[in-house]
N, C-alpha and C. Protein backbone atom coordinates (compact mmCIF):
# COMPACT_ATOMS: atom_id res chain seq x y z
N MET A 1 -34.09 -15.90 81.84
CA MET A 1 -34.48 -14.71 82.52
C MET A 1 -33.98 -13.45 81.83
N ARG A 2 -32.97 -13.59 81.20
CA ARG A 2 -32.46 -12.42 80.51
C ARG A 2 -33.44 -11.88 79.48
N TRP A 3 -34.18 -12.79 78.78
CA TRP A 3 -35.11 -12.35 77.75
C TRP A 3 -36.26 -11.55 78.34
N THR A 4 -36.76 -12.02 79.42
CA THR A 4 -37.87 -11.29 80.04
C THR A 4 -37.43 -9.92 80.52
N GLU A 5 -36.25 -9.84 81.08
CA GLU A 5 -35.73 -8.55 81.53
C GLU A 5 -35.50 -7.62 80.32
N MET A 6 -34.96 -8.21 79.27
CA MET A 6 -34.69 -7.40 78.09
C MET A 6 -36.01 -6.89 77.48
N LEU A 7 -37.06 -7.70 77.44
CA LEU A 7 -38.35 -7.28 76.91
C LEU A 7 -38.98 -6.20 77.80
N LYS A 8 -38.84 -6.35 79.13
CA LYS A 8 -39.37 -5.32 80.04
C LYS A 8 -38.67 -3.99 79.82
N GLN A 9 -37.37 -4.06 79.66
CA GLN A 9 -36.60 -2.85 79.44
C GLN A 9 -36.98 -2.19 78.11
N LEU A 10 -37.16 -3.02 77.08
CA LEU A 10 -37.56 -2.52 75.76
C LEU A 10 -38.94 -1.88 75.83
N TRP A 11 -39.87 -2.49 76.60
CA TRP A 11 -41.22 -1.95 76.74
C TRP A 11 -41.19 -0.61 77.46
N LYS A 12 -40.39 -0.49 78.49
CA LYS A 12 -40.31 0.75 79.26
C LYS A 12 -39.73 1.89 78.41
N SER A 13 -38.66 1.57 77.65
CA SER A 13 -37.99 2.64 76.92
C SER A 13 -38.66 3.00 75.59
N HIS A 14 -39.35 2.05 74.95
CA HIS A 14 -39.93 2.30 73.62
C HIS A 14 -41.41 1.95 73.57
N ARG A 15 -42.14 2.24 74.60
CA ARG A 15 -43.54 1.87 74.67
C ARG A 15 -44.35 2.49 73.53
N GLY A 16 -44.18 3.72 73.22
CA GLY A 16 -44.93 4.41 72.15
C GLY A 16 -44.63 3.82 70.77
N SER A 17 -43.38 3.56 70.52
CA SER A 17 -43.00 2.99 69.21
C SER A 17 -43.55 1.59 69.05
N LEU A 18 -43.54 0.80 70.11
CA LEU A 18 -44.07 -0.58 70.04
C LEU A 18 -45.57 -0.58 69.83
N ILE A 19 -46.27 0.33 70.47
CA ILE A 19 -47.73 0.42 70.27
C ILE A 19 -48.03 0.82 68.83
N LEU A 20 -47.29 1.82 68.35
CA LEU A 20 -47.47 2.26 66.96
C LEU A 20 -47.16 1.12 65.99
N LEU A 21 -46.10 0.39 66.22
CA LEU A 21 -45.72 -0.74 65.37
C LEU A 21 -46.80 -1.82 65.40
N SER A 22 -47.37 -2.09 66.57
CA SER A 22 -48.44 -3.09 66.70
C SER A 22 -49.68 -2.65 65.93
N LEU A 23 -50.03 -1.37 66.06
CA LEU A 23 -51.18 -0.85 65.32
C LEU A 23 -50.97 -0.96 63.81
N LEU A 24 -49.78 -0.62 63.36
CA LEU A 24 -49.47 -0.73 61.93
C LEU A 24 -49.54 -2.19 61.46
N LEU A 25 -49.08 -3.10 62.27
CA LEU A 25 -49.14 -4.53 61.93
C LEU A 25 -50.59 -5.01 61.83
N VAL A 26 -51.43 -4.60 62.76
CA VAL A 26 -52.85 -4.97 62.73
C VAL A 26 -53.52 -4.35 61.50
N LEU A 27 -53.21 -3.09 61.23
CA LEU A 27 -53.77 -2.42 60.06
C LEU A 27 -53.34 -3.12 58.77
N ASN A 28 -52.09 -3.52 58.69
CA ASN A 28 -51.57 -4.24 57.53
C ASN A 28 -52.30 -5.56 57.33
N LEU A 29 -52.55 -6.27 58.42
CA LEU A 29 -53.28 -7.54 58.33
C LEU A 29 -54.72 -7.32 57.87
N LEU A 30 -55.37 -6.26 58.37
CA LEU A 30 -56.73 -5.95 57.95
C LEU A 30 -56.80 -5.61 56.45
N ILE A 31 -55.83 -4.84 55.96
CA ILE A 31 -55.78 -4.50 54.53
C ILE A 31 -55.56 -5.75 53.70
N PHE A 32 -54.69 -6.65 54.16
CA PHE A 32 -54.44 -7.89 53.43
C PHE A 32 -55.71 -8.73 53.32
N VAL A 33 -56.42 -8.86 54.41
CA VAL A 33 -57.67 -9.63 54.41
C VAL A 33 -58.70 -8.97 53.49
N ALA A 34 -58.80 -7.66 53.55
CA ALA A 34 -59.75 -6.95 52.68
C ALA A 34 -59.40 -7.17 51.22
N LEU A 35 -58.12 -7.11 50.89
CA LEU A 35 -57.71 -7.35 49.51
C LEU A 35 -58.06 -8.77 49.06
N GLU A 36 -57.72 -9.72 49.88
CA GLU A 36 -57.95 -11.12 49.52
C GLU A 36 -59.43 -11.47 49.45
N GLN A 37 -60.23 -10.90 50.32
CA GLN A 37 -61.64 -11.27 50.39
C GLN A 37 -62.54 -10.40 49.49
N LEU A 38 -62.18 -9.16 49.27
CA LEU A 38 -63.08 -8.26 48.55
C LEU A 38 -62.55 -7.84 47.17
N ILE A 39 -61.35 -7.35 47.11
CA ILE A 39 -60.86 -6.71 45.88
C ILE A 39 -60.35 -7.74 44.87
N VAL A 40 -59.55 -8.70 45.27
CA VAL A 40 -59.00 -9.67 44.32
C VAL A 40 -60.10 -10.45 43.59
N PRO A 41 -61.15 -10.92 44.27
CA PRO A 41 -62.21 -11.61 43.51
C PRO A 41 -62.88 -10.71 42.47
N ARG A 42 -63.10 -9.43 42.82
CA ARG A 42 -63.69 -8.51 41.85
C ARG A 42 -62.79 -8.31 40.64
N VAL A 43 -61.50 -8.12 40.88
CA VAL A 43 -60.54 -7.92 39.78
C VAL A 43 -60.50 -9.17 38.90
N THR A 44 -60.48 -10.34 39.51
CA THR A 44 -60.47 -11.58 38.74
C THR A 44 -61.72 -11.72 37.89
N GLU A 45 -62.86 -11.37 38.47
CA GLU A 45 -64.12 -11.43 37.72
C GLU A 45 -64.11 -10.43 36.55
N GLN A 46 -63.65 -9.21 36.81
CA GLN A 46 -63.59 -8.20 35.75
C GLN A 46 -62.62 -8.63 34.64
N GLU A 47 -61.51 -9.22 35.02
CA GLU A 47 -60.52 -9.66 34.02
C GLU A 47 -61.10 -10.77 33.15
N SER A 48 -61.77 -11.73 33.76
CA SER A 48 -62.36 -12.82 32.96
C SER A 48 -63.47 -12.30 32.07
N ARG A 49 -64.26 -11.34 32.55
CA ARG A 49 -65.29 -10.72 31.73
C ARG A 49 -64.67 -9.96 30.55
N PHE A 50 -63.58 -9.26 30.80
CA PHE A 50 -62.88 -8.55 29.74
C PHE A 50 -62.36 -9.53 28.68
N LEU A 51 -61.76 -10.62 29.11
CA LEU A 51 -61.23 -11.61 28.17
C LEU A 51 -62.35 -12.24 27.34
N ARG A 52 -63.50 -12.51 27.97
CA ARG A 52 -64.64 -13.06 27.22
C ARG A 52 -65.11 -12.07 26.16
N ARG A 53 -65.24 -10.82 26.55
CA ARG A 53 -65.69 -9.79 25.59
C ARG A 53 -64.68 -9.58 24.48
N GLN A 54 -63.41 -9.62 24.82
CA GLN A 54 -62.36 -9.49 23.80
C GLN A 54 -62.45 -10.63 22.80
N ALA A 55 -62.69 -11.85 23.26
CA ALA A 55 -62.84 -13.00 22.36
C ALA A 55 -64.08 -12.83 21.49
N GLU A 56 -65.17 -12.31 22.06
CA GLU A 56 -66.38 -12.07 21.29
C GLU A 56 -66.14 -11.03 20.19
N VAL A 57 -65.41 -9.97 20.53
CA VAL A 57 -65.10 -8.93 19.54
C VAL A 57 -64.24 -9.51 18.42
N ARG A 58 -63.24 -10.32 18.77
CA ARG A 58 -62.41 -10.95 17.73
C ARG A 58 -63.24 -11.82 16.81
N GLN A 59 -64.15 -12.61 17.38
CA GLN A 59 -65.00 -13.46 16.55
C GLN A 59 -65.88 -12.60 15.65
N LEU A 60 -66.43 -11.55 16.19
CA LEU A 60 -67.29 -10.66 15.40
C LEU A 60 -66.49 -10.01 14.27
N LEU A 61 -65.29 -9.52 14.57
CA LEU A 61 -64.45 -8.93 13.53
C LEU A 61 -64.08 -9.96 12.46
N HIS A 62 -63.78 -11.16 12.90
CA HIS A 62 -63.41 -12.21 11.94
C HIS A 62 -64.59 -12.55 11.03
N LYS A 63 -65.80 -12.59 11.59
CA LYS A 63 -66.98 -12.86 10.77
C LYS A 63 -67.26 -11.73 9.79
N GLN A 64 -66.92 -10.51 10.18
CA GLN A 64 -67.15 -9.35 9.32
C GLN A 64 -65.98 -9.08 8.39
N GLY A 65 -64.98 -9.94 8.42
CA GLY A 65 -63.84 -9.77 7.52
C GLY A 65 -62.73 -8.93 8.11
N GLY A 66 -62.88 -8.45 9.33
CA GLY A 66 -61.82 -7.68 9.97
C GLY A 66 -60.81 -8.61 10.61
N THR A 67 -59.75 -8.04 11.11
CA THR A 67 -58.73 -8.86 11.75
C THR A 67 -58.29 -8.21 13.04
N ALA A 68 -58.01 -9.02 14.00
CA ALA A 68 -57.42 -8.58 15.25
C ALA A 68 -56.35 -9.60 15.57
N ARG A 69 -55.16 -9.40 15.01
CA ARG A 69 -54.12 -10.41 15.11
C ARG A 69 -52.92 -9.86 15.86
N THR A 70 -52.19 -10.80 16.43
CA THR A 70 -50.95 -10.44 17.12
C THR A 70 -49.84 -10.29 16.08
N PRO A 71 -48.74 -9.66 16.44
CA PRO A 71 -47.62 -9.55 15.49
C PRO A 71 -47.11 -10.91 15.03
N VAL A 72 -47.13 -11.89 15.91
CA VAL A 72 -46.67 -13.24 15.53
C VAL A 72 -47.61 -13.82 14.47
N GLN A 73 -48.91 -13.66 14.66
CA GLN A 73 -49.87 -14.15 13.67
C GLN A 73 -49.70 -13.42 12.34
N LEU A 74 -49.47 -12.12 12.38
CA LEU A 74 -49.25 -11.36 11.15
C LEU A 74 -47.99 -11.82 10.44
N TYR A 75 -46.94 -12.13 11.19
CA TYR A 75 -45.70 -12.63 10.59
C TYR A 75 -45.94 -13.98 9.91
N VAL A 76 -46.67 -14.86 10.58
CA VAL A 76 -46.97 -16.17 9.99
C VAL A 76 -47.79 -16.01 8.71
N LEU A 77 -48.80 -15.13 8.74
CA LEU A 77 -49.61 -14.89 7.55
C LEU A 77 -48.78 -14.31 6.41
N ALA A 78 -47.89 -13.37 6.73
CA ALA A 78 -47.03 -12.79 5.69
C ALA A 78 -46.10 -13.84 5.10
N SER A 79 -45.57 -14.71 5.95
CA SER A 79 -44.71 -15.79 5.46
C SER A 79 -45.48 -16.73 4.55
N GLN A 80 -46.72 -17.03 4.91
CA GLN A 80 -47.55 -17.90 4.06
C GLN A 80 -47.86 -17.22 2.73
N ASP A 81 -48.16 -15.91 2.77
CA ASP A 81 -48.42 -15.17 1.53
C ASP A 81 -47.20 -15.16 0.63
N LEU A 82 -46.04 -14.94 1.22
CA LEU A 82 -44.80 -14.94 0.44
C LEU A 82 -44.54 -16.31 -0.17
N SER A 83 -44.81 -17.35 0.59
CA SER A 83 -44.63 -18.71 0.07
C SER A 83 -45.58 -18.98 -1.09
N ARG A 84 -46.85 -18.55 -0.96
CA ARG A 84 -47.81 -18.72 -2.06
C ARG A 84 -47.39 -17.94 -3.29
N PHE A 85 -46.88 -16.72 -3.07
CA PHE A 85 -46.41 -15.91 -4.20
C PHE A 85 -45.26 -16.61 -4.91
N GLN A 86 -44.30 -17.10 -4.14
CA GLN A 86 -43.15 -17.76 -4.75
C GLN A 86 -43.56 -19.02 -5.50
N GLN A 87 -44.63 -19.67 -5.06
CA GLN A 87 -45.10 -20.86 -5.77
C GLN A 87 -45.77 -20.49 -7.09
N THR A 88 -46.31 -19.28 -7.18
CA THR A 88 -46.95 -18.87 -8.43
C THR A 88 -45.94 -18.42 -9.47
N VAL A 89 -44.73 -18.10 -9.04
CA VAL A 89 -43.69 -17.70 -9.98
C VAL A 89 -43.10 -18.97 -10.60
N PRO A 90 -43.18 -19.08 -11.93
CA PRO A 90 -42.70 -20.31 -12.57
C PRO A 90 -41.17 -20.38 -12.62
N ASP A 91 -40.66 -21.57 -12.89
CA ASP A 91 -39.22 -21.76 -13.09
C ASP A 91 -38.81 -21.13 -14.41
N TYR A 92 -37.53 -20.83 -14.51
CA TYR A 92 -37.00 -20.24 -15.74
C TYR A 92 -37.27 -21.15 -16.95
N GLN A 93 -37.34 -22.43 -16.72
CA GLN A 93 -37.57 -23.38 -17.81
C GLN A 93 -38.91 -23.14 -18.51
N ASP A 94 -39.82 -22.42 -17.85
CA ASP A 94 -41.13 -22.13 -18.43
C ASP A 94 -41.12 -20.84 -19.26
N PHE A 95 -39.95 -20.28 -19.51
CA PHE A 95 -39.87 -19.05 -20.31
C PHE A 95 -40.45 -19.26 -21.71
N THR A 96 -40.16 -20.41 -22.30
CA THR A 96 -40.71 -20.67 -23.64
C THR A 96 -42.23 -20.78 -23.57
N GLY A 97 -42.77 -21.25 -22.44
CA GLY A 97 -44.22 -21.29 -22.26
C GLY A 97 -44.82 -19.90 -22.27
N LEU A 98 -44.10 -18.92 -21.71
CA LEU A 98 -44.56 -17.53 -21.72
C LEU A 98 -44.61 -17.01 -23.16
N ILE A 99 -43.56 -17.26 -23.92
CA ILE A 99 -43.52 -16.81 -25.31
C ILE A 99 -44.65 -17.46 -26.09
N GLU A 100 -44.86 -18.74 -25.84
CA GLU A 100 -45.94 -19.46 -26.53
C GLU A 100 -47.29 -18.86 -26.17
N GLU A 101 -47.49 -18.54 -24.89
CA GLU A 101 -48.75 -17.94 -24.46
C GLU A 101 -48.97 -16.59 -25.12
N LEU A 102 -47.92 -15.77 -25.22
CA LEU A 102 -48.05 -14.47 -25.90
C LEU A 102 -48.46 -14.65 -27.36
N LEU A 103 -47.88 -15.64 -28.01
CA LEU A 103 -48.23 -15.90 -29.40
C LEU A 103 -49.67 -16.39 -29.54
N VAL A 104 -50.10 -17.25 -28.62
CA VAL A 104 -51.49 -17.75 -28.65
C VAL A 104 -52.47 -16.61 -28.41
N LEU A 105 -52.19 -15.76 -27.40
CA LEU A 105 -53.09 -14.64 -27.10
C LEU A 105 -53.17 -13.66 -28.26
N SER A 106 -52.04 -13.40 -28.88
CA SER A 106 -52.08 -12.48 -30.04
C SER A 106 -52.82 -13.11 -31.21
N ASN A 107 -52.66 -14.41 -31.39
CA ASN A 107 -53.37 -15.12 -32.47
C ASN A 107 -54.88 -15.09 -32.23
N ARG A 108 -55.31 -15.26 -30.98
CA ARG A 108 -56.74 -15.21 -30.67
C ARG A 108 -57.33 -13.83 -30.97
N ALA A 109 -56.52 -12.80 -30.80
CA ALA A 109 -56.98 -11.44 -31.10
C ALA A 109 -56.76 -11.10 -32.57
N ARG A 110 -56.34 -12.08 -33.36
CA ARG A 110 -56.04 -11.94 -34.79
C ARG A 110 -54.96 -10.89 -35.04
N LEU A 111 -53.92 -10.98 -34.19
CA LEU A 111 -52.75 -10.12 -34.32
C LEU A 111 -51.54 -11.02 -34.57
N ASN A 112 -50.48 -10.44 -35.08
CA ASN A 112 -49.29 -11.22 -35.39
C ASN A 112 -48.07 -10.58 -34.74
N ILE A 113 -47.40 -11.36 -33.86
CA ILE A 113 -46.15 -10.90 -33.27
C ILE A 113 -45.03 -11.50 -34.12
N ASN A 114 -44.24 -10.63 -34.75
CA ASN A 114 -43.14 -11.10 -35.59
C ASN A 114 -41.87 -11.33 -34.80
N ARG A 115 -41.60 -10.45 -33.85
CA ARG A 115 -40.33 -10.52 -33.14
C ARG A 115 -40.53 -10.02 -31.72
N ILE A 116 -39.96 -10.78 -30.76
CA ILE A 116 -39.99 -10.39 -29.34
C ILE A 116 -38.55 -10.24 -28.89
N SER A 117 -38.21 -9.08 -28.37
CA SER A 117 -36.89 -8.91 -27.77
C SER A 117 -37.05 -8.94 -26.25
N TYR A 118 -36.05 -9.50 -25.59
CA TYR A 118 -36.16 -9.61 -24.14
C TYR A 118 -34.79 -9.46 -23.50
N GLY A 119 -34.81 -9.15 -22.23
CA GLY A 119 -33.61 -9.06 -21.42
C GLY A 119 -33.94 -9.52 -20.02
N SER A 120 -32.94 -10.02 -19.32
CA SER A 120 -33.19 -10.50 -17.97
C SER A 120 -32.20 -9.88 -16.99
N GLU A 121 -32.62 -9.84 -15.74
CA GLU A 121 -31.79 -9.31 -14.67
C GLU A 121 -32.04 -10.14 -13.43
N GLU A 122 -30.98 -10.51 -12.74
CA GLU A 122 -31.11 -11.29 -11.52
C GLU A 122 -31.35 -10.35 -10.35
N LEU A 123 -32.42 -10.61 -9.61
CA LEU A 123 -32.74 -9.82 -8.42
C LEU A 123 -32.13 -10.53 -7.21
N LYS A 124 -31.06 -9.99 -6.68
CA LYS A 124 -30.31 -10.66 -5.62
C LYS A 124 -31.11 -10.79 -4.32
N GLU A 125 -31.92 -9.78 -3.99
CA GLU A 125 -32.65 -9.81 -2.72
C GLU A 125 -33.75 -10.85 -2.69
N SER A 126 -34.20 -11.32 -3.86
CA SER A 126 -35.29 -12.30 -3.88
C SER A 126 -34.93 -13.57 -4.63
N SER A 127 -33.75 -13.64 -5.20
CA SER A 127 -33.29 -14.77 -6.02
C SER A 127 -34.27 -15.10 -7.14
N LEU A 128 -34.83 -14.07 -7.74
CA LEU A 128 -35.71 -14.22 -8.89
C LEU A 128 -35.04 -13.60 -10.11
N LEU A 129 -35.51 -14.01 -11.28
CA LEU A 129 -35.06 -13.41 -12.53
C LEU A 129 -36.17 -12.50 -13.03
N GLN A 130 -35.84 -11.27 -13.34
CA GLN A 130 -36.80 -10.31 -13.86
C GLN A 130 -36.57 -10.20 -15.37
N PHE A 131 -37.63 -10.42 -16.13
CA PHE A 131 -37.54 -10.36 -17.58
C PHE A 131 -38.32 -9.19 -18.11
N SER A 132 -37.73 -8.47 -19.06
CA SER A 132 -38.42 -7.42 -19.80
C SER A 132 -38.61 -7.93 -21.23
N LEU A 133 -39.82 -7.80 -21.75
CA LEU A 133 -40.12 -8.24 -23.11
C LEU A 133 -40.67 -7.05 -23.88
N ASN A 134 -40.22 -6.89 -25.12
CA ASN A 134 -40.68 -5.81 -25.99
C ASN A 134 -41.11 -6.39 -27.32
N PHE A 135 -42.25 -5.93 -27.81
CA PHE A 135 -42.70 -6.36 -29.14
C PHE A 135 -43.76 -5.39 -29.67
N ASN A 136 -44.03 -5.50 -30.95
CA ASN A 136 -45.03 -4.67 -31.64
C ASN A 136 -46.08 -5.59 -32.26
N VAL A 137 -47.30 -5.09 -32.32
CA VAL A 137 -48.37 -5.72 -33.11
C VAL A 137 -49.14 -4.62 -33.82
N VAL A 138 -49.71 -4.96 -34.95
CA VAL A 138 -50.50 -4.00 -35.72
C VAL A 138 -51.87 -4.62 -35.97
N GLY A 139 -52.90 -3.84 -35.68
CA GLY A 139 -54.27 -4.30 -35.90
C GLY A 139 -55.23 -3.16 -35.65
N ASP A 140 -56.53 -3.48 -35.75
CA ASP A 140 -57.51 -2.43 -35.47
C ASP A 140 -57.67 -2.29 -33.95
N TYR A 141 -58.37 -1.26 -33.55
CA TYR A 141 -58.50 -0.93 -32.13
C TYR A 141 -59.16 -2.07 -31.35
N LYS A 142 -60.15 -2.71 -31.92
CA LYS A 142 -60.86 -3.80 -31.24
C LYS A 142 -59.92 -4.98 -30.98
N GLN A 143 -59.08 -5.30 -31.94
CA GLN A 143 -58.12 -6.40 -31.77
C GLN A 143 -57.10 -6.06 -30.68
N ILE A 144 -56.62 -4.84 -30.71
CA ILE A 144 -55.63 -4.39 -29.71
C ILE A 144 -56.24 -4.46 -28.31
N LYS A 145 -57.47 -3.99 -28.18
CA LYS A 145 -58.15 -4.00 -26.89
C LYS A 145 -58.33 -5.43 -26.39
N LYS A 146 -58.72 -6.34 -27.26
CA LYS A 146 -58.91 -7.74 -26.89
C LYS A 146 -57.58 -8.36 -26.43
N PHE A 147 -56.50 -8.04 -27.12
CA PHE A 147 -55.19 -8.59 -26.77
C PHE A 147 -54.73 -8.09 -25.40
N ILE A 148 -54.87 -6.80 -25.15
CA ILE A 148 -54.46 -6.24 -23.86
C ILE A 148 -55.31 -6.82 -22.73
N GLN A 149 -56.59 -6.98 -22.98
CA GLN A 149 -57.47 -7.57 -21.96
C GLN A 149 -57.05 -9.00 -21.66
N SER A 150 -56.70 -9.77 -22.67
CA SER A 150 -56.26 -11.16 -22.42
C SER A 150 -54.94 -11.20 -21.67
N LEU A 151 -54.06 -10.23 -21.89
CA LEU A 151 -52.82 -10.15 -21.11
C LEU A 151 -53.12 -9.88 -19.63
N GLU A 152 -54.05 -8.97 -19.39
CA GLU A 152 -54.41 -8.63 -18.02
C GLU A 152 -55.08 -9.79 -17.29
N GLN A 153 -55.75 -10.66 -18.01
CA GLN A 153 -56.45 -11.79 -17.39
C GLN A 153 -55.60 -13.05 -17.34
N SER A 154 -54.39 -12.98 -17.80
CA SER A 154 -53.50 -14.14 -17.79
C SER A 154 -53.20 -14.55 -16.35
N VAL A 155 -53.03 -15.85 -16.14
CA VAL A 155 -52.69 -16.33 -14.80
C VAL A 155 -51.22 -16.06 -14.47
N ARG A 156 -50.47 -15.72 -15.45
CA ARG A 156 -49.05 -15.40 -15.22
C ARG A 156 -48.92 -14.01 -14.59
N LEU A 157 -47.80 -13.82 -13.91
CA LEU A 157 -47.50 -12.51 -13.33
C LEU A 157 -46.86 -11.64 -14.41
N ILE A 158 -47.70 -10.96 -15.15
CA ILE A 158 -47.24 -10.10 -16.23
C ILE A 158 -47.64 -8.66 -15.91
N THR A 159 -46.67 -7.78 -15.97
CA THR A 159 -46.93 -6.36 -15.75
C THR A 159 -46.69 -5.61 -17.05
N ILE A 160 -47.65 -4.79 -17.43
CA ILE A 160 -47.47 -3.94 -18.60
C ILE A 160 -46.73 -2.69 -18.10
N LYS A 161 -45.44 -2.61 -18.44
CA LYS A 161 -44.61 -1.50 -17.98
C LYS A 161 -44.80 -0.24 -18.83
N GLN A 162 -44.93 -0.46 -20.13
CA GLN A 162 -45.08 0.70 -21.02
C GLN A 162 -45.92 0.27 -22.22
N ILE A 163 -46.77 1.17 -22.64
CA ILE A 163 -47.62 0.90 -23.79
C ILE A 163 -47.65 2.17 -24.65
N SER A 164 -47.52 1.97 -25.95
CA SER A 164 -47.64 3.13 -26.83
C SER A 164 -48.42 2.72 -28.07
N LEU A 165 -49.25 3.62 -28.52
CA LEU A 165 -50.09 3.42 -29.70
C LEU A 165 -49.75 4.48 -30.73
N GLN A 166 -49.66 4.04 -31.97
CA GLN A 166 -49.47 4.97 -33.07
C GLN A 166 -50.39 4.54 -34.19
N SER A 167 -50.91 5.52 -34.88
CA SER A 167 -51.78 5.17 -35.99
C SER A 167 -50.93 4.62 -37.13
N ALA A 168 -51.49 3.62 -37.79
CA ALA A 168 -50.83 3.02 -38.96
C ALA A 168 -51.77 3.24 -40.14
N ASP A 169 -51.47 2.62 -41.24
CA ASP A 169 -52.30 2.81 -42.43
C ASP A 169 -53.62 2.04 -42.34
N ASN A 170 -54.63 2.50 -43.06
CA ASN A 170 -55.95 1.84 -43.18
C ASN A 170 -56.63 1.56 -41.84
N ASN A 171 -56.78 2.57 -41.02
CA ASN A 171 -57.47 2.44 -39.72
C ASN A 171 -56.80 1.44 -38.78
N SER A 172 -55.57 1.14 -38.97
CA SER A 172 -54.83 0.22 -38.10
C SER A 172 -54.09 1.01 -37.03
N VAL A 173 -53.76 0.29 -35.96
CA VAL A 173 -53.03 0.88 -34.85
C VAL A 173 -51.79 0.04 -34.61
N ASN A 174 -50.67 0.71 -34.42
CA ASN A 174 -49.42 0.03 -34.09
C ASN A 174 -49.26 0.09 -32.56
N LEU A 175 -49.26 -1.09 -31.92
CA LEU A 175 -49.13 -1.19 -30.47
C LEU A 175 -47.72 -1.65 -30.13
N ARG A 176 -47.04 -0.88 -29.31
CA ARG A 176 -45.72 -1.27 -28.81
C ARG A 176 -45.86 -1.52 -27.32
N LEU A 177 -45.49 -2.73 -26.89
CA LEU A 177 -45.63 -3.12 -25.49
C LEU A 177 -44.28 -3.43 -24.88
N ASN A 178 -44.14 -3.03 -23.63
CA ASN A 178 -43.00 -3.41 -22.80
C ASN A 178 -43.58 -4.11 -21.59
N LEU A 179 -43.35 -5.43 -21.50
CA LEU A 179 -43.89 -6.25 -20.42
C LEU A 179 -42.77 -6.64 -19.46
N GLU A 180 -43.18 -6.98 -18.24
CA GLU A 180 -42.23 -7.44 -17.24
C GLU A 180 -42.83 -8.66 -16.54
N THR A 181 -42.01 -9.65 -16.29
CA THR A 181 -42.44 -10.84 -15.59
C THR A 181 -41.27 -11.41 -14.80
N PHE A 182 -41.54 -12.41 -13.99
CA PHE A 182 -40.52 -12.98 -13.11
C PHE A 182 -40.49 -14.49 -13.24
N PHE A 183 -39.30 -15.04 -13.04
CA PHE A 183 -39.10 -16.49 -13.00
C PHE A 183 -38.19 -16.83 -11.84
N ARG A 184 -38.39 -18.03 -11.29
CA ARG A 184 -37.45 -18.53 -10.30
C ARG A 184 -36.20 -19.01 -11.01
N GLN A 185 -35.08 -18.84 -10.34
CA GLN A 185 -33.84 -19.28 -10.97
C GLN A 185 -33.82 -20.79 -11.02
N GLY A 186 -33.25 -21.28 -12.07
CA GLY A 186 -33.10 -22.70 -12.28
C GLY A 186 -32.09 -22.87 -13.37
N SER A 187 -32.14 -23.97 -14.02
CA SER A 187 -31.23 -24.20 -15.12
C SER A 187 -31.54 -23.23 -16.24
N ARG A 188 -30.55 -22.51 -16.73
CA ARG A 188 -30.76 -21.53 -17.81
C ARG A 188 -30.27 -22.11 -19.12
N GLU A 189 -30.36 -23.43 -19.25
CA GLU A 189 -29.93 -24.09 -20.49
C GLU A 189 -31.12 -24.26 -21.41
N SER A 190 -31.38 -23.29 -22.24
CA SER A 190 -32.49 -23.37 -23.18
C SER A 190 -32.03 -22.96 -24.54
């Protein structure tokens, strides 16, 4: 009996507040039903349509050579590129192969390399060896052009750092080259 008396007393003293609270509760329930029945399905439909169109755009960009990648995908691609690059850099043991290739290329251009000077430096951030090579060749312009073109087309990672031409006797040209290349560290017993 106490509960009924307490509820009667509460109704008498706070009738306006209880009516307002009841109205707010009914209004809240109506908004919840409207959201669940009308708005949420529309939002879900719009979201799925957006995701479908986004996938279509990605496919279209991929077919056209464009990219739409996440940072994680870009990191993986960069790691793969770096790995491929490191695989193209030969071991230090192939240094004599580089010298041999330079001699073959100069011979094909009918040029003669008498002496090659070189120096190396260890690159700590990449654990690679950087080599600088310097040499001279003398020949006519056509031979020099053929030799430089064959250097540029070499499968090795060779950079022409400096090039200088001076006229020599009998329509000859003296070519001085400073090349740079890289090797992976390995046994340096050669």
